[in-house]
C-alpha atoms as a PDB file:
ATOM      1  CA  MET A   1      34.255  80.286  84.762  1.00  0.00           C
ATOM      2  CA  LYS A   2      33.579  78.682  81.376  1.00  0.00           C
ATOM      3  CA  GLU A   3      32.470  75.080  81.776  1.00  0.00           C
ATOM      4  CA  ASP A   4      34.015  73.747  78.575  1.00  0.00           C
ATOM      5  CA  LEU A   5      37.398  75.446  79.017  1.00  0.00           C
ATOM      6  CA  GLN A   6      39.655  75.909  82.054  1.00  0.00           C
ATOM      7  CA  VAL A   7      39.417  79.661  81.594  1.00  0.00           C
ATOM      8  CA  TYR A   8      38.200  82.473  83.883  1.00  0.00           C
ATOM      9  CA  ASP A   9      36.132  85.303  82.446  1.00  0.00           C
ATOM     10  CA  ASN A  10      38.201  87.911  84.314  1.00  0.00           C
ATOM     11  CA  VAL A  11      40.436  88.325  87.376  1.00  0.00           C
ATOM     12  CA  LEU A  12      37.488  88.987  89.694  1.00  0.00           C
ATOM     13  CA  GLN A  13      36.560  85.311  89.581  1.00  0.00           C
ATOM     14  CA  LEU A  14      39.862  84.541  91.323  1.00  0.00           C
ATOM     15  CA  ILE A  15      38.981  86.481  94.472  1.00  0.00           C
ATOM     16  CA  GLY A  16      38.721  84.366  97.625  1.00  0.00           C
ATOM     17  CA  ASN A  17      39.460  80.707  98.405  1.00  0.00           C
ATOM     18  CA  THR A  18      42.988  81.622  99.474  1.00  0.00           C
ATOM     19  CA  PRO A  19      45.147  78.848 100.944  1.00  0.00           C
ATOM     20  CA  LEU A  20      45.818  77.999 104.567  1.00  0.00           C
ATOM     21  CA  ILE A  21      49.545  77.265 104.972  1.00  0.00           C
ATOM     22  CA  GLN A  22      51.108  75.718 108.060  1.00  0.00           C
ATOM     23  CA  LEU A  23      53.808  77.744 109.801  1.00  0.00           C
ATOM     24  CA  ASN A  24      56.668  75.471 110.814  1.00  0.00           C
ATOM     25  CA  LYS A  25      60.004  77.153 111.495  1.00  0.00           C
ATOM     26  CA  ILE A  26      59.015  80.582 112.802  1.00  0.00           C
ATOM     27  CA  THR A  27      56.723  78.939 115.378  1.00  0.00           C
ATOM     28  CA  GLN A  28      59.225  76.281 116.415  1.00  0.00           C
ATOM     29  CA  GLY A  29      58.990  75.635 120.144  1.00  0.00           C
ATOM     30  CA  PHE A  30      55.476  77.074 120.438  1.00  0.00           C
ATOM     31  CA  LYS A  31      52.689  74.927 121.849  1.00  0.00           C
ATOM     32  CA  GLY A  32      49.956  74.139 119.312  1.00  0.00           C
ATOM     33  CA  GLU A  33      49.660  74.276 115.525  1.00  0.00           C
ATOM     34  CA  PHE A  34      49.780  77.489 113.524  1.00  0.00           C
ATOM     35  CA  PHE A  35      48.368  78.261 110.091  1.00  0.00           C
ATOM     36  CA  ALA A  36      48.549  81.369 107.895  1.00  0.00           C
ATOM     37  CA  LYS A  37      45.583  82.453 105.785  1.00  0.00           C
ATOM     38  CA  VAL A  38      47.635  83.945 102.937  1.00  0.00           C
ATOM     39  CA  GLU A  39      45.548  86.671 101.300  1.00  0.00           C
ATOM     40  CA  ALA A  40      48.328  87.562  98.852  1.00  0.00           C
ATOM     41  CA  PHE A  41      46.907  84.750  96.684  1.00  0.00           C
ATOM     42  CA  ASN A  42      43.997  87.025  95.734  1.00  0.00           C
ATOM     43  CA  PRO A  43      44.493  88.555  92.259  1.00  0.00           C
ATOM     44  CA  GLY A  44      44.997  92.012  93.780  1.00  0.00           C
ATOM     45  CA  HIS A  45      47.421  90.465  96.295  1.00  0.00           C
ATOM     46  CA  SER A  46      45.449  91.426  99.409  1.00  0.00           C
ATOM     47  CA  ALA A  47      42.396  90.672 101.541  1.00  0.00           C
ATOM     48  CA  LYS A  48      40.887  93.961 100.346  1.00  0.00           C
ATOM     49  CA  ASP A  49      39.865  92.322  97.061  1.00  0.00           C
ATOM     50  CA  ARG A  50      37.063  90.691  99.005  1.00  0.00           C
ATOM     51  CA  ILE A  51      35.506  93.912 100.301  1.00  0.00           C
ATOM     52  CA  ALA A  52      36.059  95.850  97.066  1.00  0.00           C
ATOM     53  CA  LEU A  53      34.121  93.328  94.984  1.00  0.00           C
ATOM     54  CA  TYR A  54      31.442  92.711  97.619  1.00  0.00           C
ATOM     55  CA  ILE A  55      30.689  96.368  98.354  1.00  0.00           C
ATOM     56  CA  ILE A  56      30.709  97.398  94.681  1.00  0.00           C
ATOM     57  CA  GLU A  57      28.399  94.548  93.644  1.00  0.00           C
ATOM     58  CA  GLU A  58      26.031  95.347  96.524  1.00  0.00           C
ATOM     59  CA  ALA A  59      25.958  98.975  95.354  1.00  0.00           C
ATOM     60  CA  GLU A  60      25.162  97.774  91.835  1.00  0.00           C
ATOM     61  CA  ARG A  61      22.421  95.484  93.094  1.00  0.00           C
ATOM     62  CA  LYS A  62      20.803  98.363  94.997  1.00  0.00           C
ATOM     63  CA  GLY A  63      21.051 100.700  92.001  1.00  0.00           C
ATOM     64  CA  ILE A  64      23.480 103.049  93.779  1.00  0.00           C
ATOM     65  CA  LEU A  65      26.235 102.431  91.230  1.00  0.00           C
ATOM     66  CA  LYS A  66      25.283 103.020  87.612  1.00  0.00           C
ATOM     67  CA  PRO A  67      27.161 103.146  84.294  1.00  0.00           C
ATOM     68  CA  GLY A  68      29.417 106.204  84.311  1.00  0.00           C
ATOM     69  CA  SER A  69      29.634 106.386  88.114  1.00  0.00           C
ATOM     70  CA  THR A  70      32.822 107.348  89.915  1.00  0.00           C
ATOM     71  CA  ILE A  71      33.989 105.367  92.955  1.00  0.00           C
ATOM     72  CA  ILE A  72      35.778 107.305  95.707  1.00  0.00           C
ATOM     73  CA  GLU A  73      37.595 105.810  98.652  1.00  0.00           C
ATOM     74  CA  THR A  74      39.959 106.468 101.549  1.00  0.00           C
ATOM     75  CA  THR A  75      42.837 103.986 101.628  1.00  0.00           C
ATOM     76  CA  SER A  76      46.303 103.184 102.917  1.00  0.00           C
ATOM     77  CA  GLY A  77      46.872 101.472  99.574  1.00  0.00           C
ATOM     78  CA  ASN A  78      45.462  97.954  99.448  1.00  0.00           C
ATOM     79  CA  THR A  79      41.752  98.781  99.344  1.00  0.00           C
ATOM     80  CA  GLY A  80      42.480 101.412  96.733  1.00  0.00           C
ATOM     81  CA  PHE A  81      44.264  98.926  94.509  1.00  0.00           C
ATOM     82  CA  SER A  82      41.430  96.421  94.843  1.00  0.00           C
ATOM     83  CA  ILE A  83      38.791  99.066  94.061  1.00  0.00           C
ATOM     84  CA  ALA A  84      40.831 100.275  91.084  1.00  0.00           C
ATOM     85  CA  MET A  85      41.098  96.692  89.818  1.00  0.00           C
ATOM     86  CA  VAL A  86      37.343  96.089  90.127  1.00  0.00           C
ATOM     87  CA  SER A  87      36.657  99.488  88.539  1.00  0.00           C
ATOM     88  CA  VAL A  88      38.795  98.591  85.506  1.00  0.00           C
ATOM     89  CA  ILE A  89      36.779  95.428  84.895  1.00  0.00           C
ATOM     90  CA  LYS A  90      33.380  97.033  85.534  1.00  0.00           C
ATOM     91  CA  GLY A  91      34.075 100.331  83.764  1.00  0.00           C
ATOM     92  CA  TYR A  92      33.938 102.862  86.623  1.00  0.00           C
ATOM     93  CA  GLU A  93      36.171 105.866  87.245  1.00  0.00           C
ATOM     94  CA  CYS A  94      38.190 105.618  90.465  1.00  0.00           C
ATOM     95  CA  ILE A  95      39.419 108.419  92.750  1.00  0.00           C
ATOM     96  CA  LEU A  96      41.483 107.599  95.838  1.00  0.00           C
ATOM     97  CA  ALA A  97      42.551 109.660  98.854  1.00  0.00           C
ATOM     98  CA  VAL A  98      45.705 107.989 100.147  1.00  0.00           C
ATOM     99  CA  SER A  99      47.685 108.435 103.350  1.00  0.00           C
ATOM    100  CA  SER A 100      51.234 109.685 102.801  1.00  0.00           C
ATOM    101  CA  LYS A 101      52.301 106.787 105.038  1.00  0.00           C
ATOM    102  CA  ALA A 102      51.497 104.437 102.138  1.00  0.00           C
ATOM    103  CA  SER A 103      54.636 103.115 100.484  1.00  0.00           C
ATOM    104  CA  SER A 104      55.660 104.657  97.160  1.00  0.00           C
ATOM    105  CA  ASP A 105      55.250 101.160  95.707  1.00  0.00           C
ATOM    106  CA  LYS A 106      51.559 101.175  96.634  1.00  0.00           C
ATOM    107  CA  ILE A 107      50.979 104.673  95.267  1.00  0.00           C
ATOM    108  CA  ASP A 108      52.678 103.804  91.960  1.00  0.00           C
ATOM    109  CA  MET A 109      50.508 100.675  91.690  1.00  0.00           C
ATOM    110  CA  LEU A 110      47.333 102.738  92.154  1.00  0.00           C
ATOM    111  CA  LYS A 111      48.326 105.092  89.348  1.00  0.00           C
ATOM    112  CA  THR A 112      49.205 102.143  87.119  1.00  0.00           C
ATOM    113  CA  MET A 113      45.640 100.827  87.556  1.00  0.00           C
ATOM    114  CA  GLY A 114      44.264 104.118  86.210  1.00  0.00           C
ATOM    115  CA  ALA A 115      43.107 105.634  89.517  1.00  0.00           C
ATOM    116  CA  LYS A 116      43.334 109.357  90.217  1.00  0.00           C
ATOM    117  CA  VAL A 117      45.310 109.625  93.448  1.00  0.00           C
ATOM    118  CA  TYR A 118      45.365 112.352  96.105  1.00  0.00           C
ATOM    119  CA  VAL A 119      48.174 111.864  98.652  1.00  0.00           C
ATOM    120  CA  CYS A 120      47.226 113.350 102.038  1.00  0.00           C
ATOM    121  CA  PRO A 121      49.411 113.970 105.125  1.00  0.00           C
ATOM    122  CA  ALA A 122      49.321 110.978 107.481  1.00  0.00           C
ATOM    123  CA  HIS A 123      50.021 112.640 110.807  1.00  0.00           C
ATOM    124  CA  VAL A 124      47.037 114.986 111.083  1.00  0.00           C
ATOM    125  CA  SER A 125      43.827 114.451 113.050  1.00  0.00           C
ATOM    126  CA  ALA A 126      40.934 112.639 111.403  1.00  0.00           C
ATOM    127  CA  ASP A 127      38.836 115.845 111.303  1.00  0.00           C
ATOM    128  CA  ASP A 128      41.619 117.951 109.731  1.00  0.00           C
ATOM    129  CA  PRO A 129      40.498 119.048 106.224  1.00  0.00           C
ATOM    130  CA  ARG A 130      43.810 117.695 104.860  1.00  0.00           C
ATOM    131  CA  SER A 131      43.266 114.180 106.268  1.00  0.00           C
ATOM    132  CA  TYR A 132      42.447 111.495 103.766  1.00  0.00           C
ATOM    133  CA  TYR A 133      39.069 110.994 105.433  1.00  0.00           C
ATOM    134  CA  GLN A 134      38.050 114.623 104.884  1.00  0.00           C
ATOM    135  CA  VAL A 135      39.584 114.844 101.398  1.00  0.00           C
ATOM    136  CA  ALA A 136      37.562 111.807 100.279  1.00  0.00           C
ATOM    137  CA  LYS A 137      34.369 113.360 101.660  1.00  0.00           C
ATOM    138  CA  ARG A 138      35.088 116.630  99.845  1.00  0.00           C
ATOM    139  CA  LEU A 139      35.817 114.862  96.559  1.00  0.00           C
ATOM    140  CA  HIS A 140      32.565 112.916  96.920  1.00  0.00           C
ATOM    141  CA  SER A 141      30.572 116.131  97.418  1.00  0.00           C
ATOM    142  CA  GLU A 142      32.267 117.742  94.401  1.00  0.00           C
ATOM    143  CA  THR A 143      31.994 114.778  92.011  1.00  0.00           C
ATOM    144  CA  LYS A 144      28.585 114.281  90.427  1.00  0.00           C
ATOM    145  CA  GLY A 145      27.404 110.664  90.290  1.00  0.00           C
ATOM    146  CA  SER A 146      30.080 109.461  92.706  1.00  0.00           C
ATOM    147  CA  VAL A 147      29.821 106.743  95.335  1.00  0.00           C
ATOM    148  CA  TYR A 148      31.968 106.891  98.481  1.00  0.00           C
ATOM    149  CA  ILE A 149      32.839 103.376  99.694  1.00  0.00           C
ATOM    150  CA  ASN A 150      33.844 104.604 103.211  1.00  0.00           C
ATOM    151  CA  GLN A 151      35.261 101.256 104.373  1.00  0.00           C
ATOM    152  CA  TYR A 152      35.819 102.469 107.954  1.00  0.00           C
ATOM    153  CA  PHE A 153      32.109 103.051 108.511  1.00  0.00           C
ATOM    154  CA  ASN A 154      30.543 100.564 106.114  1.00  0.00           C
ATOM    155  CA  ASP A 155      28.990  97.415 107.602  1.00  0.00           C
ATOM    156  CA  LEU A 156      29.412  95.687 104.224  1.00  0.00           C
ATOM    157  CA  ASN A 157      33.133  95.590 105.071  1.00  0.00           C
ATOM    158  CA  ILE A 158      32.225  93.135 107.849  1.00  0.00           C
ATOM    159  CA  ASP A 159      29.678  91.263 105.723  1.00  0.00           C
ATOM    160  CA  ALA A 160      32.230  90.561 102.993  1.00  0.00           C
ATOM    161  CA  HIS A 161      34.417  88.584 105.387  1.00  0.00           C
ATOM    162  CA  PHE A 162      31.460  86.990 107.175  1.00  0.00           C
ATOM    163  CA  ASN A 163      30.380  85.554 103.834  1.00  0.00           C
ATOM    164  CA  SER A 164      33.796  84.487 102.546  1.00  0.00           C
ATOM    165  CA  THR A 165      36.861  84.484 104.829  1.00  0.00           C
ATOM    166  CA  GLY A 166      35.058  83.016 107.851  1.00  0.00           C
ATOM    167  CA  PRO A 167      33.447  80.071 106.022  1.00  0.00           C
ATOM    168  CA  GLU A 168      36.701  79.326 104.201  1.00  0.00           C
ATOM    169  CA  ILE A 169      38.701  79.088 107.439  1.00  0.00           C
ATOM    170  CA  TRP A 170      36.027  76.976 109.126  1.00  0.00           C
ATOM    171  CA  LYS A 171      36.062  74.523 106.224  1.00  0.00           C
ATOM    172  CA  GLN A 172      39.864  74.498 105.887  1.00  0.00           C
ATOM    173  CA  THR A 173      40.366  73.702 109.575  1.00  0.00           C
ATOM    174  CA  GLU A 174      37.413  71.266 109.617  1.00  0.00           C
ATOM    175  CA  GLY A 175      35.996  73.338 112.452  1.00  0.00           C
ATOM    176  CA  GLU A 176      38.988  72.711 114.712  1.00  0.00           C
ATOM    177  CA  ILE A 177      40.239  76.321 114.893  1.00  0.00           C
ATOM    178  CA  THR A 178      40.694  77.490 118.518  1.00  0.00           C
ATOM    179  CA  HIS A 179      42.184  80.967 117.958  1.00  0.00           C
ATOM    180  CA  LEU A 180      41.932  83.630 115.255  1.00  0.00           C
ATOM    181  CA  VAL A 181      44.736  86.212 115.236  1.00  0.00           C
ATOM    182  CA  ALA A 182      44.349  89.177 112.886  1.00  0.00           C
ATOM    183  CA  CYS A 183      45.461  92.760 112.516  1.00  0.00           C
ATOM    184  CA  SER A 184      42.815  95.418 113.048  1.00  0.00           C
ATOM    185  CA  GLY A 185      42.669  98.559 110.938  1.00  0.00           C
ATOM    186  CA  THR A 186      39.198  99.240 109.594  1.00  0.00           C
ATOM    187  CA  GLY A 187      38.290  96.101 111.549  1.00  0.00           C
ATOM    188  CA  GLY A 188      36.286  94.519 108.746  1.00  0.00           C
ATOM    189  CA  THR A 189      38.539  91.489 108.278  1.00  0.00           C
ATOM    190  CA  ILE A 190      38.794  90.485 111.934  1.00  0.00           C
ATOM    191  CA  SER A 191      35.151  91.358 112.722  1.00  0.00           C
ATOM    192  CA  GLY A 192      33.482  89.588 109.804  1.00  0.00           C
ATOM    193  CA  THR A 193      35.703  86.511 110.007  1.00  0.00           C
ATOM    194  CA  ALA A 194      35.301  86.267 113.794  1.00  0.00           C
ATOM    195  CA  ARG A 195      31.542  86.790 113.651  1.00  0.00           C
ATOM    196  CA  TYR A 196      31.132  83.773 111.379  1.00  0.00           C
ATOM    197  CA  LEU A 197      33.568  81.567 113.289  1.00  0.00           C
ATOM    198  CA  LYS A 198      32.060  82.386 116.683  1.00  0.00           C
ATOM    199  CA  GLN A 199      28.614  81.516 115.395  1.00  0.00           C
ATOM    200  CA  GLN A 200      30.019  78.043 114.724  1.00  0.00           C
ATOM    201  CA  ASN A 201      32.004  77.845 117.992  1.00  0.00           C
ATOM    202  CA  PRO A 202      31.381  80.555 120.629  1.00  0.00           C
ATOM    203  CA  LYS A 203      34.344  79.298 122.678  1.00  0.00           C
ATOM    204  CA  MET A 204      36.838  80.171 119.942  1.00  0.00           C
ATOM    205  CA  LYS A 205      39.134  83.061 120.912  1.00  0.00           C
ATOM    206  CA  VAL A 206      39.672  86.148 118.752  1.00  0.00           C
ATOM    207  CA  ILE A 207      42.770  88.305 119.256  1.00  0.00           C
ATOM    208  CA  GLY A 208      43.333  91.602 117.466  1.00  0.00           C
ATOM    209  CA  ILE A 209      46.754  93.032 116.688  1.00  0.00           C
ATOM    210  CA  ASP A 210      47.127  96.776 117.263  1.00  0.00           C
ATOM    211  CA  ALA A 211      49.997  99.232 116.840  1.00  0.00           C
ATOM    212  CA  TYR A 212      51.667 101.476 119.394  1.00  0.00           C
ATOM    213  CA  GLY A 213      50.322 104.925 118.500  1.00  0.00           C
ATOM    214  CA  SER A 214      46.791 103.599 117.845  1.00  0.00           C
ATOM    215  CA  VAL A 215      43.651 103.969 119.982  1.00  0.00           C
ATOM    216  CA  LEU A 216      42.025 100.570 119.341  1.00  0.00           C
ATOM    217  CA  LYS A 217      43.384  98.473 122.220  1.00  0.00           C
ATOM    218  CA  LYS A 218      42.559 101.026 124.911  1.00  0.00           C
ATOM    219  CA  TYR A 219      39.118 101.699 123.421  1.00  0.00           C
ATOM    220  CA  HIS A 220      38.386  97.961 123.510  1.00  0.00           C
ATOM    221  CA  GLU A 221      39.352  97.800 127.179  1.00  0.00           C
ATOM    222  CA  THR A 222      37.772 101.047 128.440  1.00  0.00           C
ATOM    223  CA  LYS A 223      35.188 102.059 125.777  1.00  0.00           C
ATOM    224  CA  GLU A 224      36.840 105.479 125.886  1.00  0.00           C
ATOM    225  CA  PHE A 225      38.574 107.262 123.021  1.00  0.00           C
ATOM    226  CA  ASP A 226      41.913 108.526 124.326  1.00  0.00           C
ATOM    227  CA  SER A 227      43.658 110.952 121.961  1.00  0.00           C
ATOM    228  CA  GLY A 228      46.697 110.689 124.241  1.00  0.00           C
ATOM    229  CA  GLU A 229      47.311 107.231 122.760  1.00  0.00           C
ATOM    230  CA  ILE A 230      47.870 108.705 119.302  1.00  0.00           C
ATOM    231  CA  TYR A 231      51.359 109.290 117.908  1.00  0.00           C
ATOM    232  CA  PRO A 232      53.026 108.575 114.543  1.00  0.00           C
ATOM    233  CA  TYR A 233      53.935 104.993 113.684  1.00  0.00           C
ATOM    234  CA  ARG A 234      55.143 103.299 110.529  1.00  0.00           C
ATOM    235  CA  ILE A 235      53.023 100.162 109.983  1.00  0.00           C
ATOM    236  CA  GLU A 236      50.440 100.657 107.225  1.00  0.00           C
ATOM    237  CA  GLY A 237      46.900  99.304 107.437  1.00  0.00           C
ATOM    238  CA  LEU A 238      47.083  98.569 111.158  1.00  0.00           C
ATOM    239  CA  GLY A 239      45.631 100.537 114.052  1.00  0.00           C
ATOM    240  CA  LYS A 240      43.676 103.784 113.871  1.00  0.00           C
ATOM    241  CA  ASN A 241      43.427 107.351 115.186  1.00  0.00           C
ATOM    242  CA  LEU A 242      39.621 107.070 115.201  1.00  0.00           C
ATOM    243  CA  ILE A 243      37.076 104.399 116.093  1.00  0.00           C
ATOM    244  CA  PRO A 244      35.771 102.665 112.937  1.00  0.00           C
ATOM    245  CA  SER A 245      32.182 101.419 113.115  1.00  0.00           C
ATOM    246  CA  ALA A 246      33.352  98.532 110.894  1.00  0.00           C
ATOM    247  CA  THR A 247      35.059  97.099 113.988  1.00  0.00           C
ATOM    248  CA  ASP A 248      32.855  94.845 116.114  1.00  0.00           C
ATOM    249  CA  PHE A 249      34.660  95.244 119.431  1.00  0.00           C
ATOM    250  CA  GLU A 250      32.257  92.860 121.166  1.00  0.00           C
ATOM    251  CA  ILE A 251      33.355  89.908 119.036  1.00  0.00           C
ATOM    252  CA  ILE A 252      37.076  90.476 119.769  1.00  0.00           C
ATOM    253  CA  ASP A 253      38.317  88.931 123.028  1.00  0.00           C
ATOM    254  CA  ARG A 254      41.472  91.008 123.430  1.00  0.00           C
ATOM    255  CA  PHE A 255      44.042  93.154 121.674  1.00  0.00           C
ATOM    256  CA  ILE A 256      47.816  93.011 121.825  1.00  0.00           C
ATOM    257  CA  LYS A 257      50.151  95.753 120.585  1.00  0.00           C
ATOM    258  CA  VAL A 258      53.269  95.271 118.479  1.00  0.00           C
ATOM    259  CA  SER A 259      56.066  97.686 117.606  1.00  0.00           C
ATOM    260  CA  ASP A 260      57.121  98.970 114.181  1.00  0.00           C
ATOM    261  CA  GLU A 261      60.616  97.576 114.567  1.00  0.00           C
ATOM    262  CA  ASP A 262      59.696  94.076 115.747  1.00  0.00           C
ATOM    263  CA  SER A 263      57.053  93.769 113.042  1.00  0.00           C
ATOM    264  CA  ALA A 264      59.500  94.793 110.312  1.00  0.00           C
ATOM    265  CA  HIS A 265      62.076  92.211 111.380  1.00  0.00           C
ATOM    266  CA  THR A 266      59.415  89.516 111.657  1.00  0.00           C
ATOM    267  CA  ALA A 267      58.185  90.231 108.121  1.00  0.00           C
ATOM    268  CA  ARG A 268      61.730  89.682 106.879  1.00  0.00           C
ATOM    269  CA  GLU A 269      62.034  86.570 109.038  1.00  0.00           C
ATOM    270  CA  LEU A 270      58.925  85.047 107.420  1.00  0.00           C
ATOM    271  CA  ALA A 271      60.627  85.203 104.031  1.00  0.00           C
ATOM    272  CA  LYS A 272      63.790  83.544 105.309  1.00  0.00           C
ATOM    273  CA  THR A 273      62.139  80.822 107.400  1.00  0.00           C
ATOM    274  CA  GLU A 274      58.829  80.010 105.737  1.00  0.00           C
ATOM    275  CA  GLY A 275      59.501  81.222 102.186  1.00  0.00           C
ATOM    276  CA  LEU A 276      56.506  83.532 102.523  1.00  0.00           C
ATOM    277  CA  PHE A 277      57.146  86.955 100.972  1.00  0.00           C
ATOM    278  CA  VAL A 278      54.360  88.873 102.679  1.00  0.00           C
ATOM    279  CA  GLY A 279      53.738  92.414 103.872  1.00  0.00           C
ATOM    280  CA  TYR A 280      54.416  94.580 106.908  1.00  0.00           C
ATOM    281  CA  THR A 281      51.068  93.740 108.548  1.00  0.00           C
ATOM    282  CA  SER A 282      51.766  90.033 108.132  1.00  0.00           C
ATOM    283  CA  GLY A 283      54.964  90.643 110.058  1.00  0.00           C
ATOM    284  CA  ALA A 284      52.919  92.478 112.700  1.00  0.00           C
ATOM    285  CA  ALA A 285      50.426  89.602 112.955  1.00  0.00           C
ATOM    286  CA  THR A 286      53.239  87.067 113.354  1.00  0.00           C
ATOM    287  CA  GLN A 287      54.981  89.268 115.904  1.00  0.00           C
ATOM    288  CA  GLY A 288      51.732  89.291 117.865  1.00  0.00           C
ATOM    289  CA  LEU A 289      51.676  85.502 117.588  1.00  0.00           C
ATOM    290  CA  LYS A 290      55.177  85.325 119.076  1.00  0.00           C
ATOM    291  CA  GLN A 291      54.236  87.574 121.987  1.00  0.00           C
ATOM    292  CA  LEU A 292      51.080  85.566 122.673  1.00  0.00           C
ATOM    293  CA  ALA A 293      53.054  82.321 122.663  1.00  0.00           C
ATOM    294  CA  GLU A 294      55.541  83.809 125.129  1.00  0.00           C
ATOM    295  CA  GLU A 295      52.621  84.786 127.382  1.00  0.00           C
ATOM    296  CA  GLY A 296      51.380  81.183 127.380  1.00  0.00           C
ATOM    297  CA  GLU A 297      48.198  81.934 125.425  1.00  0.00           C
ATOM    298  CA  PHE A 298      48.346  78.616 123.547  1.00  0.00           C
ATOM    299  CA  ASP A 299      48.526  74.963 124.605  1.00  0.00           C
ATOM    300  CA  GLN A 300      49.171  71.649 122.861  1.00  0.00           C
ATOM    301  CA  ASN A 301      45.572  71.507 121.609  1.00  0.00           C
ATOM    302  CA  SER A 302      45.570  74.996 120.084  1.00  0.00           C
ATOM    303  CA  LYS A 303      44.923  75.327 116.361  1.00  0.00           C
ATOM    304  CA  VAL A 304      45.683  78.936 115.540  1.00  0.00           C
ATOM    305  CA  VAL A 305      44.900  80.755 112.288  1.00  0.00           C
ATOM    306  CA  VAL A 306      46.661  84.051 111.635  1.00  0.00           C
ATOM    307  CA  ILE A 307      45.589  86.219 108.694  1.00  0.00           C
ATOM    308  CA  PHE A 308      48.360  87.513 106.413  1.00  0.00           C
ATOM    309  CA  PRO A 309      46.725  90.499 104.662  1.00  0.00           C
ATOM    310  CA  ASP A 310      48.963  91.227 101.667  1.00  0.00           C
ATOM    311  CA  HIS A 311      52.094  90.627  99.582  1.00  0.00           C
ATOM    312  CA  GLY A 312      55.658  91.717 100.264  1.00  0.00           C
ATOM    313  CA  SER A 313      56.094  93.358  96.849  1.00  0.00           C
ATOM    314  CA  ARG A 314      54.228  96.405  98.187  1.00  0.00           C
ATOM    315  CA  TYR A 315      56.989  97.099 100.719  1.00  0.00           C
ATOM    316  CA  MET A 316      60.146  96.909  98.614  1.00  0.00           C
ATOM    317  CA  GLY A 317      60.927 100.517  99.500  1.00  0.00           C
ATOM    318  CA  LYS A 318      60.242  99.915 103.185  1.00  0.00           C
ATOM    319  CA  VAL A 319      60.723  96.787 105.303  1.00  0.00           C
ATOM    320  CA  PHE A 320      62.504  94.901 102.510  1.00  0.00           C
ATOM    321  CA  SER A 321      64.882  97.771 101.860  1.00  0.00           C
ATOM    322  CA  ASP A 322      68.092  97.664 103.912  1.00  0.00           C
ATOM    323  CA  GLU A 323      68.444 101.424 103.405  1.00  0.00           C
ATOM    324  CA  TRP A 324      64.961 102.151 104.808  1.00  0.00           C
ATOM    325  CA  MET A 325      65.540  99.840 107.770  1.00  0.00           C
ATOM    326  CA  GLU A 326      68.832 101.609 108.472  1.00  0.00           C
ATOM    327  CA  GLU A 327      67.163 105.030 108.240  1.00  0.00           C
ATOM    328  CA  GLN A 328      64.546 103.976 110.795  1.00  0.00           C
ATOM    329  CA  GLY A 329      67.246 102.813 113.204  1.00  0.00           C
ATOM    330  CA  PHE A 330      65.982  99.234 112.960  1.00  0.00           C
ATOM    331  CA  PHE A 331      69.447  97.735 112.485  1.00  0.00           C
ATOM    332  CA  ASP A 332      71.686  97.440 115.530  1.00  0.00           C
ATOM    333  CA  THR A 333      74.065  94.897 117.047  1.00  0.00           C
ATOM    334  CA  LYS A 334      71.105  92.580 117.640  1.00  0.00           C
ATOM    335  CA  ASN A 335      69.536  93.043 114.210  1.00  0.00           C
ATOM    336  CA  GLU A 336      72.233  93.590 111.634  1.00  0.00           C
ATOM    337  CA  VAL A 337      71.811  93.368 107.876  1.00  0.00           C
ATOM    338  CA  GLU A 338      71.529  89.662 107.155  1.00  0.00           C
ATOM    339  CA  ALA A 339      71.011  89.757 103.402  1.00  0.00           C
ATOM    340  CA  GLN A 340      73.595  88.093 101.185  1.00  0.00           C
ATOM    341  CA  PRO A 341      75.887  90.619  99.457  1.00  0.00           C
ATOM    342  CA  ILE A 342      75.418  91.226  95.750  1.00  0.00           C
ATOM    343  CA  GLU A 343      78.425  90.410  93.601  1.00  0.00           C
ATOM    344  CA  PHE A 344      78.853  92.112  90.223  1.00  0.00           C
ATOM    345  CA  ILE A 345      80.779  90.160  87.605  1.00  0.00           C
ATOM    346  CA  LYS A 346      82.777  92.335  85.212  1.00  0.00           C
END
């Protein structure tokens, strides 16, 4: 940032230092205090800005990335957008293999940022040649001078959050945090943040949010990969059908699973109660918070931080669309359409 003017050199200087915002209404009646780490305040509107910049600059420092290089990555949307954004500023080409489960909003945003996008079927095994994992590997082998970020198996994913998200939360809570609640996909966010926080206070508890249809919770409990756990689900960026090495299972105390439907309604509830227009995974994280509170996980002395990974604008065609919710069967007598009707003046 220029010292003489209140001006940033580019958007990358705005990454990190996101706010901690107290949750008041949606946690009413819960024991303890609850705070959201709102990652939508990053310039790319998600926590993935942190890993995109960190991993790319580490690759530059090591001489792996050079002028004219192409960056390739596997993504459900957010990491891809962040990598595309960093690539624009630094002058790299960007190729992304994206899961078809990614919202059309996310895919359109990737194309807008100049990335070349390959949309791959979501509900195939990780070793299927059509999966976005295998497509990214193939594109890397075919593209001269390319670098494959490989966030699922890149320890720098963890390091990025160890060096930024963890210290920020520790400072913002003045070291009084008792619980960290975060969704787990690649596992980099929860692992890196938790690793830093537990170095400061080993007694702090770390709880991961997983999806029904994902293998993470059972693997954490049994150390066995059970393909029988895998079935299609709708939440993006949460859970996995493989075991990412970027997840430090030892640092996580427990996992809790949340459903697609509950998470979608809770995302909408956050907008109407807290004024926070955040994404599907933020709804999942808050749904996990509700379930934990019902279990009696927290007491009057609890100071709980929950990470909200991204912005609601990326889900306009999904959880914030009444039509999509209806199509999924998420509206019933208990959960009817609550939005105010639109009136057209002629």
